[in-house]
Amino acid sequence: MKSINIMLSTINDVKDFVSIVSQFDFEIDLVSGRYAVDAKSIMGIFSLDLSKPIKVNIHSDNTDEFIEAVKRFIVE
């Protein structure tokens, strides 16, 4: 499992992120505080606090293509 931090600032960011994530067949979770939701769920993402960076847990050994696809959302 690999983890990165992302920021989803607008509704369009959320829609674009879910569209990208849905193309991958492995599990991807978003974690904010003690809440974890499926990254492929728009409703789940909107239940999180989007004013802060969100941790992305990628459940795959081959994450390079995924990270490249979402690099515009990644923050340190």
N, C-alpha and C. Protein backbone atom coordinates (compact mmCIF):
# COMPACT_ATOMS: atom_id res chain seq x y z
N MET A 1 0.85 -1.19 0.00
CA MET A 1 0.00 0.00 0.00
C MET A 1 0.89 1.24 0.00
N LYS A 2 0.49 2.23 -0.78
CA LYS A 2 1.21 3.50 -0.85
C LYS A 2 0.23 4.61 -0.49
N SER A 3 0.73 5.67 0.13
CA SER A 3 -0.12 6.80 0.52
C SER A 3 0.42 8.10 -0.06
N ILE A 4 -0.51 8.96 -0.50
CA ILE A 4 -0.17 10.31 -0.95
C ILE A 4 -1.22 11.25 -0.36
N ASN A 5 -0.95 12.55 -0.40
CA ASN A 5 -1.92 13.55 0.05
C ASN A 5 -2.39 14.35 -1.16
N ILE A 6 -3.71 14.59 -1.19
CA ILE A 6 -4.28 15.37 -2.28
C ILE A 6 -5.13 16.50 -1.71
N MET A 7 -5.46 17.45 -2.57
CA MET A 7 -6.36 18.54 -2.23
C MET A 7 -7.41 18.63 -3.34
N LEU A 8 -8.68 18.57 -2.94
CA LEU A 8 -9.79 18.72 -3.87
C LEU A 8 -10.52 20.01 -3.50
N SER A 9 -10.24 21.08 -4.23
CA SER A 9 -10.71 22.41 -3.85
C SER A 9 -12.08 22.77 -4.39
N THR A 10 -12.47 22.18 -5.51
CA THR A 10 -13.74 22.56 -6.14
C THR A 10 -14.57 21.31 -6.44
N ILE A 11 -15.84 21.54 -6.77
CA ILE A 11 -16.72 20.45 -7.17
C ILE A 11 -16.17 19.77 -8.43
N ASN A 12 -15.65 20.56 -9.36
CA ASN A 12 -15.07 19.99 -10.58
C ASN A 12 -13.84 19.14 -10.28
N ASP A 13 -13.04 19.55 -9.28
CA ASP A 13 -11.91 18.72 -8.87
C ASP A 13 -12.39 17.36 -8.40
N VAL A 14 -13.44 17.33 -7.61
CA VAL A 14 -13.98 16.06 -7.10
C VAL A 14 -14.46 15.20 -8.26
N LYS A 15 -15.23 15.80 -9.19
CA LYS A 15 -15.74 15.03 -10.33
C LYS A 15 -14.60 14.49 -11.19
N ASP A 16 -13.59 15.32 -11.46
CA ASP A 16 -12.45 14.89 -12.26
C ASP A 16 -11.67 13.78 -11.56
N PHE A 17 -11.47 13.93 -10.25
CA PHE A 17 -10.73 12.93 -9.48
C PHE A 17 -11.46 11.58 -9.51
N VAL A 18 -12.76 11.58 -9.27
CA VAL A 18 -13.54 10.33 -9.28
C VAL A 18 -13.50 9.69 -10.67
N SER A 19 -13.58 10.50 -11.71
CA SER A 19 -13.51 9.98 -13.07
C SER A 19 -12.18 9.28 -13.33
N ILE A 20 -11.09 9.86 -12.86
CA ILE A 20 -9.77 9.27 -13.03
C ILE A 20 -9.64 7.99 -12.20
N VAL A 21 -10.02 8.06 -10.94
CA VAL A 21 -9.88 6.93 -10.02
C VAL A 21 -10.69 5.72 -10.49
N SER A 22 -11.85 5.97 -11.08
CA SER A 22 -12.73 4.89 -11.51
C SER A 22 -12.12 4.04 -12.63
N GLN A 23 -11.09 4.55 -13.28
CA GLN A 23 -10.44 3.81 -14.36
C GLN A 23 -9.51 2.71 -13.85
N PHE A 24 -9.20 2.73 -12.55
CA PHE A 24 -8.27 1.76 -11.97
C PHE A 24 -9.05 0.68 -11.23
N ASP A 25 -8.59 -0.58 -11.37
CA ASP A 25 -9.36 -1.69 -10.82
C ASP A 25 -8.94 -2.11 -9.42
N PHE A 26 -8.01 -1.39 -8.78
CA PHE A 26 -7.63 -1.72 -7.41
C PHE A 26 -8.34 -0.77 -6.43
N GLU A 27 -8.30 -1.14 -5.16
CA GLU A 27 -8.96 -0.34 -4.12
C GLU A 27 -8.17 0.93 -3.83
N ILE A 28 -8.91 2.03 -3.72
CA ILE A 28 -8.31 3.32 -3.38
C ILE A 28 -9.23 3.96 -2.34
N ASP A 29 -8.67 4.31 -1.19
CA ASP A 29 -9.45 4.90 -0.10
C ASP A 29 -8.97 6.32 0.17
N LEU A 30 -9.89 7.16 0.59
CA LEU A 30 -9.56 8.50 1.06
C LEU A 30 -9.76 8.53 2.56
N VAL A 31 -8.79 9.09 3.29
CA VAL A 31 -8.86 9.14 4.75
C VAL A 31 -8.73 10.59 5.19
N SER A 32 -9.70 11.02 5.99
CA SER A 32 -9.68 12.36 6.56
C SER A 32 -10.04 12.22 8.04
N GLY A 33 -9.05 12.47 8.89
CA GLY A 33 -9.29 12.24 10.32
C GLY A 33 -9.52 10.77 10.58
N ARG A 34 -10.64 10.45 11.20
CA ARG A 34 -10.93 9.03 11.48
C ARG A 34 -11.91 8.44 10.46
N TYR A 35 -12.24 9.19 9.43
CA TYR A 35 -13.17 8.71 8.40
C TYR A 35 -12.41 8.22 7.17
N ALA A 36 -12.87 7.10 6.63
CA ALA A 36 -12.30 6.55 5.40
C ALA A 36 -13.44 6.25 4.44
N VAL A 37 -13.30 6.67 3.19
CA VAL A 37 -14.33 6.42 2.18
C VAL A 37 -13.68 5.90 0.91
N ASP A 38 -14.49 5.25 0.10
CA ASP A 38 -14.04 4.75 -1.21
C ASP A 38 -13.80 5.96 -2.12
N ALA A 39 -12.61 6.03 -2.72
CA ALA A 39 -12.26 7.17 -3.59
C ALA A 39 -13.10 7.21 -4.86
N LYS A 40 -13.83 6.14 -5.16
CA LYS A 40 -14.67 6.10 -6.36
C LYS A 40 -16.09 6.57 -6.07
N SER A 41 -16.35 7.02 -4.85
CA SER A 41 -17.68 7.45 -4.43
C SER A 41 -17.75 8.97 -4.28
N ILE A 42 -18.46 9.62 -5.19
CA ILE A 42 -18.61 11.07 -5.10
C ILE A 42 -19.29 11.47 -3.79
N MET A 43 -20.35 10.75 -3.43
CA MET A 43 -21.05 11.06 -2.17
C MET A 43 -20.14 10.87 -0.97
N GLY A 44 -19.32 9.84 -0.99
CA GLY A 44 -18.39 9.60 0.10
C GLY A 44 -17.39 10.74 0.23
N ILE A 45 -16.87 11.21 -0.90
CA ILE A 45 -15.89 12.30 -0.87
C ILE A 45 -16.52 13.57 -0.31
N PHE A 46 -17.76 13.87 -0.68
CA PHE A 46 -18.40 15.08 -0.18
C PHE A 46 -18.73 15.00 1.31
N SER A 47 -18.63 13.81 1.91
CA SER A 47 -18.86 13.69 3.35
C SER A 47 -17.59 14.03 4.13
N LEU A 48 -16.47 14.21 3.44
CA LEU A 48 -15.20 14.54 4.09
C LEU A 48 -15.00 16.05 4.18
N ASP A 49 -14.08 16.46 5.04
CA ASP A 49 -13.70 17.87 5.15
C ASP A 49 -12.74 18.20 4.01
N LEU A 50 -13.24 18.87 2.98
CA LEU A 50 -12.43 19.16 1.80
C LEU A 50 -11.59 20.43 1.94
N SER A 51 -11.65 21.07 3.10
CA SER A 51 -10.85 22.28 3.30
C SER A 51 -9.40 21.96 3.66
N LYS A 52 -9.12 20.68 3.94
CA LYS A 52 -7.78 20.24 4.30
C LYS A 52 -7.33 19.15 3.34
N PRO A 53 -6.01 18.93 3.25
CA PRO A 53 -5.54 17.82 2.41
C PRO A 53 -6.10 16.48 2.89
N ILE A 54 -6.32 15.57 1.95
CA ILE A 54 -6.88 14.26 2.22
C ILE A 54 -5.83 13.20 1.89
N LYS A 55 -5.71 12.22 2.75
CA LYS A 55 -4.76 11.12 2.52
C LYS A 55 -5.40 10.09 1.59
N VAL A 56 -4.64 9.66 0.59
CA VAL A 56 -5.09 8.64 -0.35
C VAL A 56 -4.28 7.37 -0.09
N ASN A 57 -4.98 6.27 0.23
CA ASN A 57 -4.34 4.98 0.40
C ASN A 57 -4.59 4.15 -0.85
N ILE A 58 -3.52 3.79 -1.54
CA ILE A 58 -3.61 3.04 -2.80
C ILE A 58 -3.23 1.59 -2.51
N HIS A 59 -4.17 0.68 -2.69
CA HIS A 59 -3.96 -0.73 -2.37
C HIS A 59 -3.49 -1.49 -3.60
N SER A 60 -2.27 -1.17 -4.03
CA SER A 60 -1.68 -1.82 -5.19
C SER A 60 -0.16 -1.65 -5.13
N ASP A 61 0.55 -2.58 -5.73
CA ASP A 61 2.01 -2.44 -5.81
C ASP A 61 2.43 -1.62 -7.01
N ASN A 62 1.56 -1.51 -8.01
CA ASN A 62 1.87 -0.77 -9.23
C ASN A 62 1.11 0.56 -9.21
N THR A 63 1.69 1.57 -8.56
CA THR A 63 0.98 2.84 -8.36
C THR A 63 1.45 3.96 -9.27
N ASP A 64 2.51 3.74 -10.05
CA ASP A 64 3.10 4.82 -10.85
C ASP A 64 2.10 5.46 -11.81
N GLU A 65 1.34 4.63 -12.52
CA GLU A 65 0.37 5.15 -13.49
C GLU A 65 -0.73 5.95 -12.79
N PHE A 66 -1.18 5.47 -11.64
CA PHE A 66 -2.21 6.18 -10.88
C PHE A 66 -1.69 7.54 -10.40
N ILE A 67 -0.50 7.54 -9.82
CA ILE A 67 0.07 8.80 -9.31
C ILE A 67 0.27 9.81 -10.43
N GLU A 68 0.69 9.34 -11.59
CA GLU A 68 0.84 10.23 -12.75
C GLU A 68 -0.51 10.82 -13.15
N ALA A 69 -1.57 10.00 -13.09
CA ALA A 69 -2.90 10.45 -13.50
C ALA A 69 -3.49 11.49 -12.56
N VAL A 70 -3.14 11.43 -11.28
CA VAL A 70 -3.72 12.37 -10.30
C VAL A 70 -2.71 13.41 -9.81
N LYS A 71 -1.58 13.56 -10.49
CA LYS A 71 -0.52 14.43 -9.98
C LYS A 71 -0.95 15.89 -9.79
N ARG A 72 -1.94 16.36 -10.54
CA ARG A 72 -2.35 17.77 -10.37
C ARG A 72 -3.08 18.01 -9.05
N PHE A 73 -3.53 16.94 -8.38
CA PHE A 73 -4.20 17.07 -7.08
C PHE A 73 -3.27 16.87 -5.91
N ILE A 74 -2.06 16.37 -6.15
CA ILE A 74 -1.14 16.00 -5.07
C ILE A 74 -0.54 17.24 -4.40
N VAL A 75 -0.54 17.21 -3.07
CA VAL A 75 0.10 18.25 -2.26
C VAL A 75 1.04 17.57 -1.27
N GLU A 76 1.97 18.33 -0.75
CA GLU A 76 2.92 17.76 0.23
C GLU A 76 2.45 18.02 1.63
